[in-house]
Amino acid sequence: MSSTLGEKIRKFRKERGYTLDKLAELTDSSKSYIWELENKTPPRPSAGKITKIAKVLGTTIEYLMDEGHSIAKEDASDKSFYRKYRNMDSKTKEKFRRMVELWDEDG
């Protein structure tokens, strides 16, 4: 079963507890633009806006635009996290590595 761009945005938005207004605010968009992405067929997203939306929702553009489910939601979330991680300074990265090591000791 394929999911449309709008269905994916709506699902991520609701999972994070965002209203249309809140997602619009976080992505420098209008509420009506977010509504159109979620409800119009076919949506006509701008590259800049869809990039901001994917970042705020913690996923990738590729996942949002993929209607054939060739990209798993978890893989997209991981890629989004790794991109954020790569841009962190070395002190922050070291803190993350230490936290992961502590979690690993508990398991």
PDB file of N, CA and C in Angstrom:
ATOM      1  N   MET A   1       0.840  -1.178   0.000  1.00  0.00           N
ATOM      2  CA  MET A   1       0.000   0.000   0.000  1.00  0.00           C
ATOM      3  C   MET A   1       0.885   1.241   0.000  1.00  0.00           C
ATOM      4  N   SER A   2       0.623   2.170  -0.888  1.00  0.00           N
ATOM      5  CA  SER A   2       1.435   3.373  -0.941  1.00  0.00           C
ATOM      6  C   SER A   2       0.780   4.491  -0.132  1.00  0.00           C
ATOM      7  N   SER A   3       1.600   5.407   0.336  1.00  0.00           N
ATOM      8  CA  SER A   3       1.118   6.572   1.055  1.00  0.00           C
ATOM      9  C   SER A   3       1.508   7.801   0.263  1.00  0.00           C
ATOM     10  N   THR A   4       0.627   8.756   0.226  1.00  0.00           N
ATOM     11  CA  THR A   4       0.928   9.981  -0.486  1.00  0.00           C
ATOM     12  C   THR A   4       1.738  10.917   0.405  1.00  0.00           C
ATOM     13  N   LEU A   5       2.304  11.913  -0.211  1.00  0.00           N
ATOM     14  CA  LEU A   5       3.035  12.942   0.513  1.00  0.00           C
ATOM     15  C   LEU A   5       2.159  13.528   1.616  1.00  0.00           C
ATOM     16  N   GLY A   6       0.942  13.873   1.276  1.00  0.00           N
ATOM     17  CA  GLY A   6       0.029  14.478   2.245  1.00  0.00           C
ATOM     18  C   GLY A   6      -0.268  13.575   3.422  1.00  0.00           C
ATOM     19  N   GLU A   7      -0.478  12.294   3.158  1.00  0.00           N
ATOM     20  CA  GLU A   7      -0.747  11.337   4.240  1.00  0.00           C
ATOM     21  C   GLU A   7       0.447  11.230   5.181  1.00  0.00           C
ATOM     22  N   LYS A   8       1.645  11.229   4.606  1.00  0.00           N
ATOM     23  CA  LYS A   8       2.846  11.127   5.429  1.00  0.00           C
ATOM     24  C   LYS A   8       3.045  12.377   6.274  1.00  0.00           C
ATOM     25  N   ILE A   9       2.864  13.538   5.677  1.00  0.00           N
ATOM     26  CA  ILE A   9       3.010  14.776   6.443  1.00  0.00           C
ATOM     27  C   ILE A   9       2.000  14.808   7.580  1.00  0.00           C
ATOM     28  N   ARG A  10       0.747  14.488   7.279  1.00  0.00           N
ATOM     29  CA  ARG A  10      -0.298  14.499   8.314  1.00  0.00           C
ATOM     30  C   ARG A  10       0.046  13.531   9.443  1.00  0.00           C
ATOM     31  N   LYS A  11       0.503  12.319   9.093  1.00  0.00           N
ATOM     32  CA  LYS A  11       0.825  11.319  10.104  1.00  0.00           C
ATOM     33  C   LYS A  11       1.972  11.793  11.000  1.00  0.00           C
ATOM     34  N   PHE A  12       3.059  12.275  10.407  1.00  0.00           N
ATOM     35  CA  PHE A  12       4.187  12.780  11.194  1.00  0.00           C
ATOM     36  C   PHE A  12       3.757  13.967  12.054  1.00  0.00           C
ATOM     37  N   ARG A  13       2.969  14.857  11.482  1.00  0.00           N
ATOM     38  CA  ARG A  13       2.518  16.051  12.199  1.00  0.00           C
ATOM     39  C   ARG A  13       1.730  15.647  13.446  1.00  0.00           C
ATOM     40  N   LYS A  14       0.799  14.712  13.261  1.00  0.00           N
ATOM     41  CA  LYS A  14      -0.026  14.281  14.388  1.00  0.00           C
ATOM     42  C   LYS A  14       0.788  13.494  15.416  1.00  0.00           C
ATOM     43  N   GLU A  15       1.746  12.685  14.969  1.00  0.00           N
ATOM     44  CA  GLU A  15       2.600  11.940  15.897  1.00  0.00           C
ATOM     45  C   GLU A  15       3.373  12.883  16.814  1.00  0.00           C
ATOM     46  N   ARG A  16       3.713  14.048  16.291  1.00  0.00           N
ATOM     47  CA  ARG A  16       4.460  15.027  17.077  1.00  0.00           C
ATOM     48  C   ARG A  16       3.550  15.994  17.824  1.00  0.00           C
ATOM     49  N   GLY A  17       2.237  15.826  17.637  1.00  0.00           N
ATOM     50  CA  GLY A  17       1.286  16.678  18.334  1.00  0.00           C
ATOM     51  C   GLY A  17       1.195  18.092  17.776  1.00  0.00           C
ATOM     52  N   TYR A  18       1.604  18.271  16.523  1.00  0.00           N
ATOM     53  CA  TYR A  18       1.568  19.590  15.898  1.00  0.00           C
ATOM     54  C   TYR A  18       0.218  19.843  15.246  1.00  0.00           C
ATOM     55  N   THR A  19      -0.273  21.044  15.409  1.00  0.00           N
ATOM     56  CA  THR A  19      -1.440  21.487  14.649  1.00  0.00           C
ATOM     57  C   THR A  19      -0.947  21.965  13.290  1.00  0.00           C
ATOM     58  N   LEU A  20      -1.870  22.216  12.383  1.00  0.00           N
ATOM     59  CA  LEU A  20      -1.484  22.819  11.108  1.00  0.00           C
ATOM     60  C   LEU A  20      -0.758  24.135  11.355  1.00  0.00           C
ATOM     61  N   ASP A  21      -1.291  24.934  12.286  1.00  0.00           N
ATOM     62  CA  ASP A  21      -0.669  26.221  12.612  1.00  0.00           C
ATOM     63  C   ASP A  21       0.765  26.051  13.102  1.00  0.00           C
ATOM     64  N   LYS A  22       0.990  25.078  13.994  1.00  0.00           N
ATOM     65  CA  LYS A  22       2.315  24.884  14.573  1.00  0.00           C
ATOM     66  C   LYS A  22       3.315  24.433  13.506  1.00  0.00           C
ATOM     67  N   LEU A  23       2.938  23.481  12.672  1.00  0.00           N
ATOM     68  CA  LEU A  23       3.849  23.039  11.618  1.00  0.00           C
ATOM     69  C   LEU A  23       4.130  24.186  10.653  1.00  0.00           C
ATOM     70  N   ALA A  24       3.128  24.961  10.343  1.00  0.00           N
ATOM     71  CA  ALA A  24       3.326  26.122   9.464  1.00  0.00           C
ATOM     72  C   ALA A  24       4.332  27.091  10.089  1.00  0.00           C
ATOM     73  N   GLU A  25       4.162  27.351  11.376  1.00  0.00           N
ATOM     74  CA  GLU A  25       5.077  28.265  12.087  1.00  0.00           C
ATOM     75  C   GLU A  25       6.512  27.734  12.069  1.00  0.00           C
ATOM     76  N   LEU A  26       6.681  26.452  12.358  1.00  0.00           N
ATOM     77  CA  LEU A  26       8.024  25.855  12.428  1.00  0.00           C
ATOM     78  C   LEU A  26       8.724  25.776  11.075  1.00  0.00           C
ATOM     79  N   THR A  27       7.951  25.820   9.997  1.00  0.00           N
ATOM     80  CA  THR A  27       8.527  25.676   8.658  1.00  0.00           C
ATOM     81  C   THR A  27       8.435  26.961   7.828  1.00  0.00           C
ATOM     82  N   ASP A  28       8.085  28.064   8.485  1.00  0.00           N
ATOM     83  CA  ASP A  28       7.938  29.347   7.781  1.00  0.00           C
ATOM     84  C   ASP A  28       6.982  29.225   6.604  1.00  0.00           C
ATOM     85  N   SER A  29       5.883  28.530   6.827  1.00  0.00           N
ATOM     86  CA  SER A  29       4.861  28.321   5.806  1.00  0.00           C
ATOM     87  C   SER A  29       3.546  28.909   6.313  1.00  0.00           C
ATOM     88  N   SER A  30       2.553  28.899   5.460  1.00  0.00           N
ATOM     89  CA  SER A  30       1.216  29.293   5.899  1.00  0.00           C
ATOM     90  C   SER A  30       0.424  28.036   6.251  1.00  0.00           C
ATOM     91  N   LYS A  31      -0.562  28.203   7.092  1.00  0.00           N
ATOM     92  CA  LYS A  31      -1.436  27.090   7.454  1.00  0.00           C
ATOM     93  C   LYS A  31      -2.100  26.525   6.204  1.00  0.00           C
ATOM     94  N   SER A  32      -2.520  27.394   5.300  1.00  0.00           N
ATOM     95  CA  SER A  32      -3.193  26.934   4.083  1.00  0.00           C
ATOM     96  C   SER A  32      -2.250  26.128   3.190  1.00  0.00           C
ATOM     97  N   TYR A  33      -0.952  26.484   3.190  1.00  0.00           N
ATOM     98  CA  TYR A  33       0.022  25.732   2.386  1.00  0.00           C
ATOM     99  C   TYR A  33       0.162  24.304   2.934  1.00  0.00           C
ATOM    100  N   ILE A  34       0.281  24.179   4.259  1.00  0.00           N
ATOM    101  CA  ILE A  34       0.390  22.851   4.870  1.00  0.00           C
ATOM    102  C   ILE A  34      -0.884  22.063   4.602  1.00  0.00           C
ATOM    103  N   TRP A  35      -2.036  22.701   4.749  1.00  0.00           N
ATOM    104  CA  TRP A  35      -3.308  22.033   4.476  1.00  0.00           C
ATOM    105  C   TRP A  35      -3.351  21.531   3.036  1.00  0.00           C
ATOM    106  N   GLU A  36      -2.921  22.357   2.095  1.00  0.00           N
ATOM    107  CA  GLU A  36      -2.917  21.949   0.681  1.00  0.00           C
ATOM    108  C   GLU A  36      -2.005  20.751   0.458  1.00  0.00           C
ATOM    109  N   LEU A  37      -0.826  20.751   1.083  1.00  0.00           N
ATOM    110  CA  LEU A  37       0.074  19.604   0.937  1.00  0.00           C
ATOM    111  C   LEU A  37      -0.580  18.333   1.448  1.00  0.00           C
ATOM    112  N   GLU A  38      -1.307  18.448   2.550  1.00  0.00           N
ATOM    113  CA  GLU A  38      -1.939  17.271   3.134  1.00  0.00           C
ATOM    114  C   GLU A  38      -3.181  16.818   2.368  1.00  0.00           C
ATOM    115  N   ASN A  39      -3.838  17.724   1.652  1.00  0.00           N
ATOM    116  CA  ASN A  39      -5.149  17.402   1.092  1.00  0.00           C
ATOM    117  C   ASN A  39      -5.307  17.497  -0.417  1.00  0.00           C
ATOM    118  N   LYS A  40      -4.426  18.193  -1.107  1.00  0.00           N
ATOM    119  CA  LYS A  40      -4.571  18.343  -2.562  1.00  0.00           C
ATOM    120  C   LYS A  40      -3.920  17.172  -3.280  1.00  0.00           C
ATOM    121  N   THR A  41      -4.526  16.765  -4.381  1.00  0.00           N
ATOM    122  CA  THR A  41      -3.960  15.697  -5.199  1.00  0.00           C
ATOM    123  C   THR A  41      -3.825  16.203  -6.617  1.00  0.00           C
ATOM    124  N   PRO A  42      -2.676  16.190  -7.219  1.00  0.00           N
ATOM    125  CA  PRO A  42      -1.382  15.968  -6.567  1.00  0.00           C
ATOM    126  C   PRO A  42      -0.892  17.262  -5.928  1.00  0.00           C
ATOM    127  N   PRO A  43      -0.166  17.176  -4.812  1.00  0.00           N
ATOM    128  CA  PRO A  43       0.363  18.381  -4.186  1.00  0.00           C
ATOM    129  C   PRO A  43       1.477  18.962  -5.040  1.00  0.00           C
ATOM    130  N   ARG A  44       1.723  20.216  -4.873  1.00  0.00           N
ATOM    131  CA  ARG A  44       2.767  20.895  -5.621  1.00  0.00           C
ATOM    132  C   ARG A  44       3.743  21.568  -4.649  1.00  0.00           C
ATOM    133  N   PRO A  45       4.564  20.767  -3.964  1.00  0.00           N
ATOM    134  CA  PRO A  45       5.454  21.358  -2.967  1.00  0.00           C
ATOM    135  C   PRO A  45       6.665  22.043  -3.592  1.00  0.00           C
ATOM    136  N   SER A  46       7.110  23.112  -2.959  1.00  0.00           N
ATOM    137  CA  SER A  46       8.371  23.720  -3.374  1.00  0.00           C
ATOM    138  C   SER A  46       9.498  22.946  -2.697  1.00  0.00           C
ATOM    139  N   ALA A  47      10.639  22.900  -3.329  1.00  0.00           N
ATOM    140  CA  ALA A  47      11.774  22.153  -2.776  1.00  0.00           C
ATOM    141  C   ALA A  47      12.200  22.714  -1.427  1.00  0.00           C
ATOM    142  N   GLY A  48      12.224  24.033  -1.303  1.00  0.00           N
ATOM    143  CA  GLY A  48      12.631  24.654  -0.048  1.00  0.00           C
ATOM    144  C   GLY A  48      11.691  24.332   1.089  1.00  0.00           C
ATOM    145  N   LYS A  49      10.403  24.384   0.825  1.00  0.00           N
ATOM    146  CA  LYS A  49       9.412  24.114   1.872  1.00  0.00           C
ATOM    147  C   LYS A  49       9.422  22.647   2.277  1.00  0.00           C
ATOM    148  N   ILE A  50       9.496  21.753   1.311  1.00  0.00           N
ATOM    149  CA  ILE A  50       9.468  20.328   1.646  1.00  0.00           C
ATOM    150  C   ILE A  50      10.733  19.947   2.423  1.00  0.00           C
ATOM    151  N   THR A  51      11.844  20.629   2.152  1.00  0.00           N
ATOM    152  CA  THR A  51      13.078  20.406   2.909  1.00  0.00           C
ATOM    153  C   THR A  51      12.882  20.802   4.362  1.00  0.00           C
ATOM    154  N   LYS A  52      12.295  21.970   4.598  1.00  0.00           N
ATOM    155  CA  LYS A  52      12.034  22.428   5.973  1.00  0.00           C
ATOM    156  C   LYS A  52      11.053  21.508   6.682  1.00  0.00           C
ATOM    157  N   ILE A  53      10.016  21.092   5.984  1.00  0.00           N
ATOM    158  CA  ILE A  53       9.010  20.213   6.584  1.00  0.00           C
ATOM    159  C   ILE A  53       9.646  18.888   6.995  1.00  0.00           C
ATOM    160  N   ALA A  54      10.444  18.298   6.099  1.00  0.00           N
ATOM    161  CA  ALA A  54      11.100  17.025   6.419  1.00  0.00           C
ATOM    162  C   ALA A  54      11.998  17.176   7.643  1.00  0.00           C
ATOM    163  N   LYS A  55      12.745  18.261   7.709  1.00  0.00           N
ATOM    164  CA  LYS A  55      13.656  18.484   8.833  1.00  0.00           C
ATOM    165  C   LYS A  55      12.880  18.615  10.139  1.00  0.00           C
ATOM    166  N   VAL A  56      11.830  19.433  10.147  1.00  0.00           N
ATOM    167  CA  VAL A  56      11.030  19.628  11.362  1.00  0.00           C
ATOM    168  C   VAL A  56      10.354  18.327  11.797  1.00  0.00           C
ATOM    169  N   LEU A  57       9.940  17.511  10.830  1.00  0.00           N
ATOM    170  CA  LEU A  57       9.256  16.255  11.154  1.00  0.00           C
ATOM    171  C   LEU A  57      10.224  15.108  11.442  1.00  0.00           C
ATOM    172  N   GLY A  58      11.528  15.356  11.298  1.00  0.00           N
ATOM    173  CA  GLY A  58      12.521  14.334  11.620  1.00  0.00           C
ATOM    174  C   GLY A  58      12.580  13.206  10.614  1.00  0.00           C
ATOM    175  N   THR A  59      12.418  13.548   9.342  1.00  0.00           N
ATOM    176  CA  THR A  59      12.488  12.538   8.293  1.00  0.00           C
ATOM    177  C   THR A  59      13.262  13.119   7.113  1.00  0.00           C
ATOM    178  N   THR A  60      13.189  12.456   5.974  1.00  0.00           N
ATOM    179  CA  THR A  60      13.899  12.926   4.790  1.00  0.00           C
ATOM    180  C   THR A  60      12.916  13.287   3.687  1.00  0.00           C
ATOM    181  N   ILE A  61      13.390  14.121   2.784  1.00  0.00           N
ATOM    182  CA  ILE A  61      12.590  14.478   1.609  1.00  0.00           C
ATOM    183  C   ILE A  61      12.289  13.221   0.802  1.00  0.00           C
ATOM    184  N   GLU A  62      13.292  12.361   0.682  1.00  0.00           N
ATOM    185  CA  GLU A  62      13.128  11.137  -0.101  1.00  0.00           C
ATOM    186  C   GLU A  62      11.976  10.294   0.431  1.00  0.00           C
ATOM    187  N   TYR A  63      11.886  10.166   1.756  1.00  0.00           N
ATOM    188  CA  TYR A  63      10.806   9.376   2.341  1.00  0.00           C
ATOM    189  C   TYR A  63       9.456  10.023   2.072  1.00  0.00           C
ATOM    190  N   LEU A  64       9.357  11.326   2.285  1.00  0.00           N
ATOM    191  CA  LEU A  64       8.079  12.001   2.072  1.00  0.00           C
ATOM    192  C   LEU A  64       7.610  11.888   0.624  1.00  0.00           C
ATOM    193  N   MET A  65       8.544  11.976  -0.312  1.00  0.00           N
ATOM    194  CA  MET A  65       8.178  11.976  -1.731  1.00  0.00           C
ATOM    195  C   MET A  65       8.004  10.568  -2.301  1.00  0.00           C
ATOM    196  N   ASP A  66       8.499   9.538  -1.594  1.00  0.00           N
ATOM    197  CA  ASP A  66       8.430   8.151  -2.059  1.00  0.00           C
ATOM    198  C   ASP A  66       7.037   7.574  -1.822  1.00  0.00           C
ATOM    199  N   GLU A  67       6.297   7.330  -2.880  1.00  0.00           N
ATOM    200  CA  GLU A  67       4.949   6.787  -2.739  1.00  0.00           C
ATOM    201  C   GLU A  67       4.906   5.269  -2.856  1.00  0.00           C
ATOM    202  N   GLY A  68       6.028   4.642  -3.178  1.00  0.00           N
ATOM    203  CA  GLY A  68       6.038   3.201  -3.360  1.00  0.00           C
ATOM    204  C   GLY A  68       6.552   2.417  -2.177  1.00  0.00           C
ATOM    205  N   HIS A  69       6.810   3.079  -1.061  1.00  0.00           N
ATOM    206  CA  HIS A  69       7.332   2.441   0.153  1.00  0.00           C
ATOM    207  C   HIS A  69       8.654   1.729  -0.079  1.00  0.00           C
ATOM    208  N   SER A  70       9.490   2.262  -0.962  1.00  0.00           N
ATOM    209  CA  SER A  70      10.809   1.657  -1.131  1.00  0.00           C
ATOM    210  C   SER A  70      11.761   2.123  -0.029  1.00  0.00           C
ATOM    211  N   ILE A  71      11.355   3.168   0.714  1.00  0.00           N
ATOM    212  CA  ILE A  71      12.144   3.670   1.838  1.00  0.00           C
ATOM    213  C   ILE A  71      11.323   3.470   3.113  1.00  0.00           C
ATOM    214  N   ALA A  72      11.891   2.759   4.073  1.00  0.00           N
ATOM    215  CA  ALA A  72      11.189   2.523   5.330  1.00  0.00           C
ATOM    216  C   ALA A  72      11.204   3.781   6.187  1.00  0.00           C
ATOM    217  N   LYS A  73      10.139   3.995   6.934  1.00  0.00           N
ATOM    218  CA  LYS A  73      10.027   5.170   7.809  1.00  0.00           C
ATOM    219  C   LYS A  73      11.201   5.222   8.783  1.00  0.00           C
ATOM    220  N   GLU A  74      11.562   4.075   9.354  1.00  0.00           N
ATOM    221  CA  GLU A  74      12.659   4.023  10.321  1.00  0.00           C
ATOM    222  C   GLU A  74      13.975   4.410   9.668  1.00  0.00           C
ATOM    223  N   ASP A  75      14.213   3.951   8.439  1.00  0.00           N
ATOM    224  CA  ASP A  75      15.440   4.304   7.728  1.00  0.00           C
ATOM    225  C   ASP A  75      15.506   5.807   7.497  1.00  0.00           C
ATOM    226  N   ALA A  76      14.383   6.411   7.142  1.00  0.00           N
ATOM    227  CA  ALA A  76      14.341   7.849   6.906  1.00  0.00           C
ATOM    228  C   ALA A  76      14.610   8.609   8.206  1.00  0.00           C
ATOM    229  N   SER A  77      14.032   8.147   9.307  1.00  0.00           N
ATOM    230  CA  SER A  77      14.267   8.800  10.600  1.00  0.00           C
ATOM    231  C   SER A  77      15.729   8.678  11.007  1.00  0.00           C
ATOM    232  N   ASP A  78      16.320   7.509  10.776  1.00  0.00           N
ATOM    233  CA  ASP A  78      17.736   7.318  11.077  1.00  0.00           C
ATOM    234  C   ASP A  78      18.604   8.260  10.241  1.00  0.00           C
ATOM    235  N   LYS A  79      18.320   8.350   8.949  1.00  0.00           N
ATOM    236  CA  LYS A  79      19.097   9.240   8.083  1.00  0.00           C
ATOM    237  C   LYS A  79      18.991  10.685   8.548  1.00  0.00           C
ATOM    238  N   SER A  80      17.795  11.083   8.946  1.00  0.00           N
ATOM    239  CA  SER A  80      17.600  12.443   9.439  1.00  0.00           C
ATOM    240  C   SER A  80      18.441  12.676  10.690  1.00  0.00           C
ATOM    241  N   PHE A  81      18.437  11.701  11.610  1.00  0.00           N
ATOM    242  CA  PHE A  81      19.244  11.820  12.822  1.00  0.00           C
ATOM    243  C   PHE A  81      20.729  11.886  12.480  1.00  0.00           C
ATOM    244  N   TYR A  82      21.202  11.016  11.586  1.00  0.00           N
ATOM    245  CA  TYR A  82      22.623  10.992  11.236  1.00  0.00           C
ATOM    246  C   TYR A  82      23.061  12.307  10.605  1.00  0.00           C
ATOM    247  N   ARG A  83      22.200  12.922   9.820  1.00  0.00           N
ATOM    248  CA  ARG A  83      22.538  14.227   9.229  1.00  0.00           C
ATOM    249  C   ARG A  83      22.718  15.268  10.326  1.00  0.00           C
ATOM    250  N   LYS A  84      21.831  15.251  11.314  1.00  0.00           N
ATOM    251  CA  LYS A  84      21.960  16.183  12.442  1.00  0.00           C
ATOM    252  C   LYS A  84      23.247  15.891  13.209  1.00  0.00           C
ATOM    253  N   TYR A  85      23.514  14.614  13.435  1.00  0.00           N
ATOM    254  CA  TYR A  85      24.702  14.195  14.176  1.00  0.00           C
ATOM    255  C   TYR A  85      25.979  14.669  13.479  1.00  0.00           C
ATOM    256  N   ARG A  86      26.035  14.501  12.166  1.00  0.00           N
ATOM    257  CA  ARG A  86      27.235  14.905  11.419  1.00  0.00           C
ATOM    258  C   ARG A  86      27.510  16.400  11.555  1.00  0.00           C
ATOM    259  N   ASN A  87      26.476  17.193  11.773  1.00  0.00           N
ATOM    260  CA  ASN A  87      26.654  18.640  11.880  1.00  0.00           C
ATOM    261  C   ASN A  87      26.933  19.114  13.307  1.00  0.00           C
ATOM    262  N   MET A  88      26.941  18.203  14.269  1.00  0.00           N
ATOM    263  CA  MET A  88      27.215  18.580  15.659  1.00  0.00           C
ATOM    264  C   MET A  88      28.712  18.808  15.845  1.00  0.00           C
ATOM    265  N   ASP A  89      29.030  19.623  16.848  1.00  0.00           N
ATOM    266  CA  ASP A  89      30.449  19.808  17.157  1.00  0.00           C
ATOM    267  C   ASP A  89      30.987  18.554  17.843  1.00  0.00           C
ATOM    268  N   SER A  90      32.297  18.439  17.919  1.00  0.00           N
ATOM    269  CA  SER A  90      32.924  17.207  18.420  1.00  0.00           C
ATOM    270  C   SER A  90      32.585  16.938  19.884  1.00  0.00           C
ATOM    271  N   LYS A  91      32.419  17.972  20.717  1.00  0.00           N
ATOM    272  CA  LYS A  91      32.073  17.756  22.123  1.00  0.00           C
ATOM    273  C   LYS A  91      30.681  17.134  22.254  1.00  0.00           C
ATOM    274  N   THR A  92      29.744  17.609  21.461  1.00  0.00           N
ATOM    275  CA  THR A  92      28.385  17.072  21.502  1.00  0.00           C
ATOM    276  C   THR A  92      28.366  15.633  20.999  1.00  0.00           C
ATOM    277  N   LYS A  93      29.115  15.364  19.938  1.00  0.00           N
ATOM    278  CA  LYS A  93      29.189  13.996  19.428  1.00  0.00           C
ATOM    279  C   LYS A  93      29.739  13.054  20.498  1.00  0.00           C
ATOM    280  N   GLU A  94      30.754  13.491  21.221  1.00  0.00           N
ATOM    281  CA  GLU A  94      31.346  12.657  22.265  1.00  0.00           C
ATOM    282  C   GLU A  94      30.327  12.367  23.363  1.00  0.00           C
ATOM    283  N   LYS A  95      29.511  13.344  23.722  1.00  0.00           N
ATOM    284  CA  LYS A  95      28.463  13.127  24.727  1.00  0.00           C
ATOM    285  C   LYS A  95      27.482  12.053  24.251  1.00  0.00           C
ATOM    286  N   PHE A  96      27.092  12.123  22.995  1.00  0.00           N
ATOM    287  CA  PHE A  96      26.187  11.109  22.446  1.00  0.00           C
ATOM    288  C   PHE A  96      26.821   9.727  22.487  1.00  0.00           C
ATOM    289  N   ARG A  97      28.071   9.633  22.107  1.00  0.00           N
ATOM    290  CA  ARG A  97      28.743   8.334  22.126  1.00  0.00           C
ATOM    291  C   ARG A  97      28.794   7.760  23.543  1.00  0.00           C
ATOM    292  N   ARG A  98      29.070   8.612  24.529  1.00  0.00           N
ATOM    293  CA  ARG A  98      29.105   8.136  25.923  1.00  0.00           C
ATOM    294  C   ARG A  98      27.725   7.678  26.381  1.00  0.00           C
ATOM    295  N   MET A  99      26.677   8.410  26.000  1.00  0.00           N
ATOM    296  CA  MET A  99      25.312   7.996  26.376  1.00  0.00           C
ATOM    297  C   MET A  99      24.970   6.636  25.772  1.00  0.00           C
ATOM    298  N   VAL A 100      25.320   6.432  24.525  1.00  0.00           N
ATOM    299  CA  VAL A 100      25.045   5.153  23.872  1.00  0.00           C
ATOM    300  C   VAL A 100      25.803   4.034  24.564  1.00  0.00           C
ATOM    301  N   GLU A 101      27.039   4.281  24.934  1.00  0.00           N
ATOM    302  CA  GLU A 101      27.811   3.261  25.641  1.00  0.00           C
ATOM    303  C   GLU A 101      27.159   2.912  26.980  1.00  0.00           C
ATOM    304  N   LEU A 102      26.648   3.921  27.693  1.00  0.00           N
ATOM    305  CA  LEU A 102      25.961   3.658  28.970  1.00  0.00           C
ATOM    306  C   LEU A 102      24.697   2.823  28.751  1.00  0.00           C
ATOM    307  N   TRP A 103      23.937   3.127  27.730  1.00  0.00           N
ATOM    308  CA  TRP A 103      22.729   2.346  27.437  1.00  0.00           C
ATOM    309  C   TRP A 103      23.103   0.908  27.093  1.00  0.00           C
ATOM    310  N   ASP A 104      24.199   0.752  26.361  1.00  0.00           N
ATOM    311  CA  ASP A 104      24.638  -0.580  25.938  1.00  0.00           C
ATOM    312  C   ASP A 104      25.043  -1.413  27.156  1.00  0.00           C
ATOM    313  N   GLU A 105      25.597  -0.789  28.188  1.00  0.00           N
ATOM    314  CA  GLU A 105      25.993  -1.523  29.395  1.00  0.00           C
ATOM    315  C   GLU A 105      24.773  -2.071  30.132  1.00  0.00           C
ATOM    316  N   ASP A 106      23.630  -1.382  30.027  1.00  0.00           N
ATOM    317  CA  ASP A 106      22.408  -1.828  30.707  1.00  0.00           C
ATOM    318  C   ASP A 106      21.793  -3.044  30.024  1.00  0.00           C
ATOM    319  N   GLY A 107      22.053  -3.212  28.725  1.00  0.00           N
ATOM    320  CA  GLY A 107      21.405  -4.276  27.955  1.00  0.00           C
ATOM    321  C   GLY A 107      22.140  -5.524  28.036  1.00  0.00           C
TER     322      GLY A 107
END
